[in-house]
């Protein structure tokens, strides 16, 4: 069996066995369905409410991707400005690090007050959560350059733009993608947190409604959809990384396993 096929089949077999054991365990122990429903109840709930799930999944997707897109462009731009500005390094960047350590869920009610109840408040929370990993990782990648390369560029009279384009940026790309992978998943989390606080649509809203009605099967279905959404976005970033930075050590390691 080819390694690529094996890497796909093994997880599928594992999850199939896990579902079978789940079904057996629930039947043997007689767990009430409102505590832990069997997998067949999840499937029934999924099929029954598929149209609703599709609409609300799209809303959460737009919120998460919208916030992530803003965080990507503004985060990379801000990281470049921090690296090339001593004033920003001494003033704004420490504030960014402090905000990075703060729980972002605390900002959700404030965003509703500042931005409003609609879509933009959800995008703002997703942006806020995803912004910091991109900034921090990109700054590290732009700064952690071998001194010999910078000295070589200086000897050859390379301009600041040449140093950025040929040395700093290629060195920062693996770090940047490390931050992007974290940010793309956190953007989904940020959108859900915002929907928990104030929303009448989205997957976070569906989870709350399912909990209020003790519909555990539907709540678990929504959580599984969120996991698939996050995993799909994460894999998409990995595919983009293989195209943009095939020379990075992480990508070579992944490709070497196929």
Protein backbone atom coordinates (compact mmCIF):
# COMPACT_ATOMS: atom_id res chain seq x y z
CA UNK A 1 0.00 0.00 0.00
CA UNK A 2 1.32 3.42 -0.94
CA UNK A 3 2.19 5.72 1.98
CA UNK A 4 -0.18 8.43 0.71
CA UNK A 5 -3.11 5.99 0.61
CA UNK A 6 -2.12 4.60 4.00
CA UNK A 7 -2.10 8.08 5.54
CA UNK A 8 -5.71 8.54 4.40
CA UNK A 9 -7.05 5.07 5.22
CA UNK A 10 -5.59 4.81 8.74
CA UNK A 11 -7.45 7.86 10.16
CA UNK A 12 -10.69 6.72 8.49
CA UNK A 13 -10.39 3.25 10.05
CA UNK A 14 -9.58 4.79 13.42
CA UNK A 15 -12.65 7.05 13.42
CA UNK A 16 -14.88 4.21 12.16
CA UNK A 17 -13.74 2.02 15.04
CA UNK A 18 -14.24 4.94 17.43
CA UNK A 19 -17.84 5.40 16.23
CA UNK A 20 -18.56 1.67 16.61
CA UNK A 21 -17.17 1.65 20.14
CA UNK A 22 -19.20 4.78 20.93
CA UNK A 23 -22.39 3.11 19.70
CA UNK A 24 -21.71 -0.06 21.68
CA UNK A 25 -20.76 1.80 24.85
CA UNK A 26 -23.92 3.91 24.82
CA UNK A 27 -26.11 0.83 24.33
CA UNK A 28 -24.37 -1.26 27.00
CA UNK A 29 -24.23 1.41 29.72
CA UNK A 30 -27.67 2.80 28.79
CA UNK A 31 -26.55 6.42 28.77
CA UNK A 32 -29.50 8.84 28.43
CA UNK A 33 -29.58 10.41 24.99
CA UNK A 34 -29.63 13.95 26.38
CA UNK A 35 -26.24 13.24 28.00
CA UNK A 36 -24.53 11.28 25.21
CA UNK A 37 -26.59 10.26 22.17
CA UNK A 38 -25.43 7.39 19.94
CA UNK A 39 -23.81 8.22 16.58
CA UNK A 40 -26.95 7.18 14.68
CA UNK A 41 -28.85 9.99 16.43
CA UNK A 42 -26.21 12.46 15.26
CA UNK A 43 -26.64 11.24 11.69
CA UNK A 44 -30.43 11.52 11.91
CA UNK A 45 -30.17 15.04 13.32
CA UNK A 46 -27.68 16.02 10.60
CA UNK A 47 -29.94 14.84 7.77
CA UNK A 48 -33.05 16.37 9.33
CA UNK A 49 -31.52 19.83 9.79
CA UNK A 50 -29.16 19.89 6.81
CA UNK A 51 -30.72 23.00 5.15
CA UNK A 52 -30.44 24.95 8.41
CA UNK A 53 -26.86 23.80 8.95
CA UNK A 54 -25.82 24.84 5.45
CA UNK A 55 -27.09 28.40 5.85
CA UNK A 56 -25.63 28.94 9.32
CA UNK A 57 -22.32 27.28 8.37
CA UNK A 58 -21.93 29.75 5.52
CA UNK A 59 -22.49 32.66 7.89
CA UNK A 60 -19.84 31.43 10.34
CA UNK A 61 -17.48 30.76 7.43
CA UNK A 62 -17.86 34.32 6.15
CA UNK A 63 -17.26 35.74 9.62
CA UNK A 64 -14.15 33.62 10.22
CA UNK A 65 -12.59 34.12 6.78
CA UNK A 66 -13.42 37.82 6.81
CA UNK A 67 -11.71 38.33 10.15
CA UNK A 68 -8.75 36.20 9.10
CA UNK A 69 -8.31 38.11 5.84
CA UNK A 70 -8.15 41.44 7.64
CA UNK A 71 -5.73 40.00 10.21
CA UNK A 72 -3.46 38.60 7.49
CA UNK A 73 -3.00 41.82 5.53
CA UNK A 74 -2.90 44.17 8.52
CA UNK A 75 -0.83 41.75 10.63
CA UNK A 76 1.90 41.29 8.03
CA UNK A 77 1.98 45.03 7.27
CA UNK A 78 2.23 45.89 10.96
CA UNK A 79 4.97 43.29 11.52
CA UNK A 80 7.06 44.78 8.72
CA UNK A 81 6.56 48.26 10.17
CA UNK A 82 7.63 47.05 13.63
CA UNK A 83 10.81 45.45 12.31
CA UNK A 84 11.86 48.58 10.41
CA UNK A 85 10.77 51.13 13.02
CA UNK A 86 12.56 51.40 16.34
CA UNK A 87 9.80 53.61 17.71
CA UNK A 88 7.12 50.99 17.03
CA UNK A 89 9.32 48.28 18.57
CA UNK A 90 9.63 50.31 21.76
CA UNK A 91 6.03 51.51 22.00
CA UNK A 92 3.33 49.65 20.08
CA UNK A 93 4.87 46.16 19.91
CA UNK A 94 5.02 45.64 23.71
CA UNK A 95 1.34 46.64 23.82
CA UNK A 96 0.59 44.04 21.13
CA UNK A 97 2.34 41.35 23.21
CA UNK A 98 0.32 42.35 26.29
CA UNK A 99 -2.95 42.23 24.35
CA UNK A 100 -1.91 38.85 22.93
CA UNK A 101 -1.82 37.44 26.45
CA UNK A 102 -5.28 38.76 27.35
CA UNK A 103 -8.40 36.56 26.92
CA UNK A 104 -10.01 37.71 23.70
CA UNK A 105 -13.47 36.56 24.78
CA UNK A 106 -13.52 39.52 27.17
CA UNK A 107 -13.54 41.87 24.16
CA UNK A 108 -16.64 40.30 22.58
CA UNK A 109 -19.24 42.32 24.56
CA UNK A 110 -17.23 45.49 23.96
CA UNK A 111 -17.11 44.84 20.21
CA UNK A 112 -20.89 44.58 20.16
CA UNK A 113 -21.06 48.02 21.83
CA UNK A 114 -18.38 49.59 19.63
CA UNK A 115 -19.13 48.01 16.25
CA UNK A 116 -22.75 46.92 16.51
CA UNK A 117 -24.84 43.79 16.60
CA UNK A 118 -24.43 42.73 12.98
CA UNK A 119 -21.88 40.89 10.88
CA UNK A 120 -19.03 43.35 11.43
CA UNK A 121 -18.85 42.71 15.18
CA UNK A 122 -18.32 38.98 14.50
CA UNK A 123 -15.65 39.75 11.89
CA UNK A 124 -14.00 42.16 14.34
CA UNK A 125 -13.72 39.49 17.04
CA UNK A 126 -12.36 36.95 14.52
CA UNK A 127 -9.86 39.58 13.38
CA UNK A 128 -8.80 40.38 16.93
CA UNK A 129 -8.18 36.73 17.76
CA UNK A 130 -6.28 35.96 14.54
CA UNK A 131 -4.24 39.18 14.38
CA UNK A 132 -1.74 38.53 17.16
CA UNK A 133 -0.28 35.14 16.07
CA UNK A 134 0.40 36.54 12.61
CA UNK A 135 2.10 39.67 13.94
CA UNK A 136 4.25 37.88 16.53
CA UNK A 137 5.39 35.07 14.22
CA UNK A 138 6.09 37.39 11.29
CA UNK A 139 8.14 39.73 13.47
CA UNK A 140 10.22 36.78 14.72
CA UNK A 141 10.78 35.53 11.17
CA UNK A 142 11.84 38.95 9.86
CA UNK A 143 14.24 39.54 12.75
CA UNK A 144 15.76 36.06 13.17
CA UNK A 145 18.11 36.35 10.22
CA UNK A 146 21.66 35.02 10.22
CA UNK A 147 24.06 37.96 10.72
CA UNK A 148 26.37 36.59 8.01
CA UNK A 149 23.66 37.08 5.39
CA UNK A 150 23.08 40.68 6.45
CA UNK A 151 26.83 41.31 6.42
CA UNK A 152 27.10 39.80 2.94
CA UNK A 153 24.32 42.07 1.72
CA UNK A 154 26.06 45.08 3.24
CA UNK A 155 29.37 44.19 1.57
CA UNK A 156 27.60 43.89 -1.78
CA UNK A 157 25.89 47.25 -1.16
CA UNK A 158 22.42 45.80 -1.15
CA UNK A 159 19.61 48.24 -0.46
CA UNK A 160 17.12 47.84 2.39
CA UNK A 161 14.54 46.66 -0.13
CA UNK A 162 16.96 44.05 -1.52
CA UNK A 163 17.66 42.78 2.01
CA UNK A 164 13.93 42.57 2.69
CA UNK A 165 13.07 40.89 -0.60
CA UNK A 166 15.94 38.39 -0.81
CA UNK A 167 16.81 37.70 2.84
CA UNK A 168 14.25 38.75 5.43
CA UNK A 169 11.05 37.82 3.59
CA UNK A 170 12.14 34.30 2.48
CA UNK A 171 13.38 33.68 6.02
CA UNK A 172 10.07 34.90 7.51
CA UNK A 173 7.72 32.86 5.31
CA UNK A 174 7.89 29.61 7.37
CA UNK A 175 7.36 31.61 10.58
CA UNK A 176 4.54 33.51 8.92
CA UNK A 177 2.76 30.33 7.88
CA UNK A 178 3.13 28.96 11.39
CA UNK A 179 1.24 32.00 12.63
CA UNK A 180 -1.29 31.78 9.79
CA UNK A 181 -2.14 28.16 10.67
CA UNK A 182 -2.84 29.16 14.24
CA UNK A 183 -4.74 32.27 13.15
CA UNK A 184 -7.04 30.50 10.66
CA UNK A 185 -8.23 28.11 13.36
CA UNK A 186 -8.54 30.85 15.97
CA UNK A 187 -10.61 32.94 13.57
CA UNK A 188 -13.28 30.23 13.63
CA UNK A 189 -13.10 30.23 17.43
CA UNK A 190 -13.42 34.02 17.48
CA UNK A 191 -16.49 33.93 15.25
CA UNK A 192 -18.14 31.35 17.53
CA UNK A 193 -17.35 33.36 20.66
CA UNK A 194 -18.89 36.44 19.06
CA UNK A 195 -22.01 34.44 18.14
CA UNK A 196 -22.28 33.22 21.73
CA UNK A 197 -22.37 36.82 22.94
CA UNK A 198 -24.81 38.37 20.48
CA UNK A 199 -26.20 36.66 17.39
CA UNK A 200 -29.34 35.23 15.89
CA UNK A 201 -27.54 33.19 13.21
CA UNK A 202 -24.38 31.16 12.78
CA UNK A 203 -23.14 27.86 14.19
CA UNK A 204 -22.46 29.37 17.62
CA UNK A 205 -26.08 30.48 17.78
CA UNK A 206 -27.20 26.93 16.86
CA UNK A 207 -25.09 25.45 19.66
CA UNK A 208 -26.75 27.75 22.20
CA UNK A 209 -30.22 26.89 20.90
CA UNK A 210 -29.45 23.17 21.02
CA UNK A 211 -28.20 23.47 24.60
CA UNK A 212 -31.31 25.38 25.68
CA UNK A 213 -33.53 22.62 24.29
CA UNK A 214 -31.26 19.79 25.55
CA UNK A 215 -30.79 18.62 21.96
CA UNK A 216 -27.36 17.11 22.60
CA UNK A 217 -27.26 15.26 19.28
CA UNK A 218 -27.69 18.47 17.30
CA UNK A 219 -25.16 20.30 19.49
CA UNK A 220 -22.59 17.58 18.79
CA UNK A 221 -23.37 17.74 15.07
CA UNK A 222 -22.66 21.49 15.06
CA UNK A 223 -19.41 20.95 16.97
CA UNK A 224 -18.32 18.33 14.44
CA UNK A 225 -19.08 20.74 11.60
CA UNK A 226 -16.95 23.37 13.34
CA UNK A 227 -14.11 20.86 13.63
CA UNK A 228 -14.37 19.99 9.93
CA UNK A 229 -14.46 23.69 9.01
CA UNK A 230 -11.35 24.45 11.06
CA UNK A 231 -9.52 21.39 9.74
CA UNK A 232 -10.42 22.23 6.15
CA UNK A 233 -9.11 25.78 6.47
CA UNK A 234 -5.94 24.48 8.13
CA UNK A 235 -5.32 22.05 5.26
CA UNK A 236 -5.95 24.83 2.74
CA UNK A 237 -3.19 26.88 4.37
CA UNK A 238 -0.86 23.88 4.20
CA UNK A 239 -1.54 23.50 0.47
CA UNK A 240 -0.78 27.18 -0.08
CA UNK A 241 2.41 26.82 1.93
CA UNK A 242 3.59 23.95 -0.26
CA UNK A 243 3.10 26.15 -3.30
CA UNK A 244 4.70 29.29 -1.89
CA UNK A 245 7.43 27.82 0.35
CA UNK A 246 8.30 24.29 -0.82
CA UNK A 247 11.81 24.79 0.52
CA UNK A 248 10.75 25.17 4.15
CA UNK A 249 11.79 22.39 6.51
CA UNK A 250 8.21 21.75 7.62
CA UNK A 251 6.96 21.24 4.08
CA UNK A 252 9.89 18.97 3.18
CA UNK A 253 9.14 16.85 6.22
CA UNK A 254 5.47 16.49 5.24
CA UNK A 255 6.29 15.65 1.63
CA UNK A 256 8.93 13.17 2.71
CA UNK A 257 6.29 11.13 4.51
CA UNK A 258 4.34 10.51 1.28
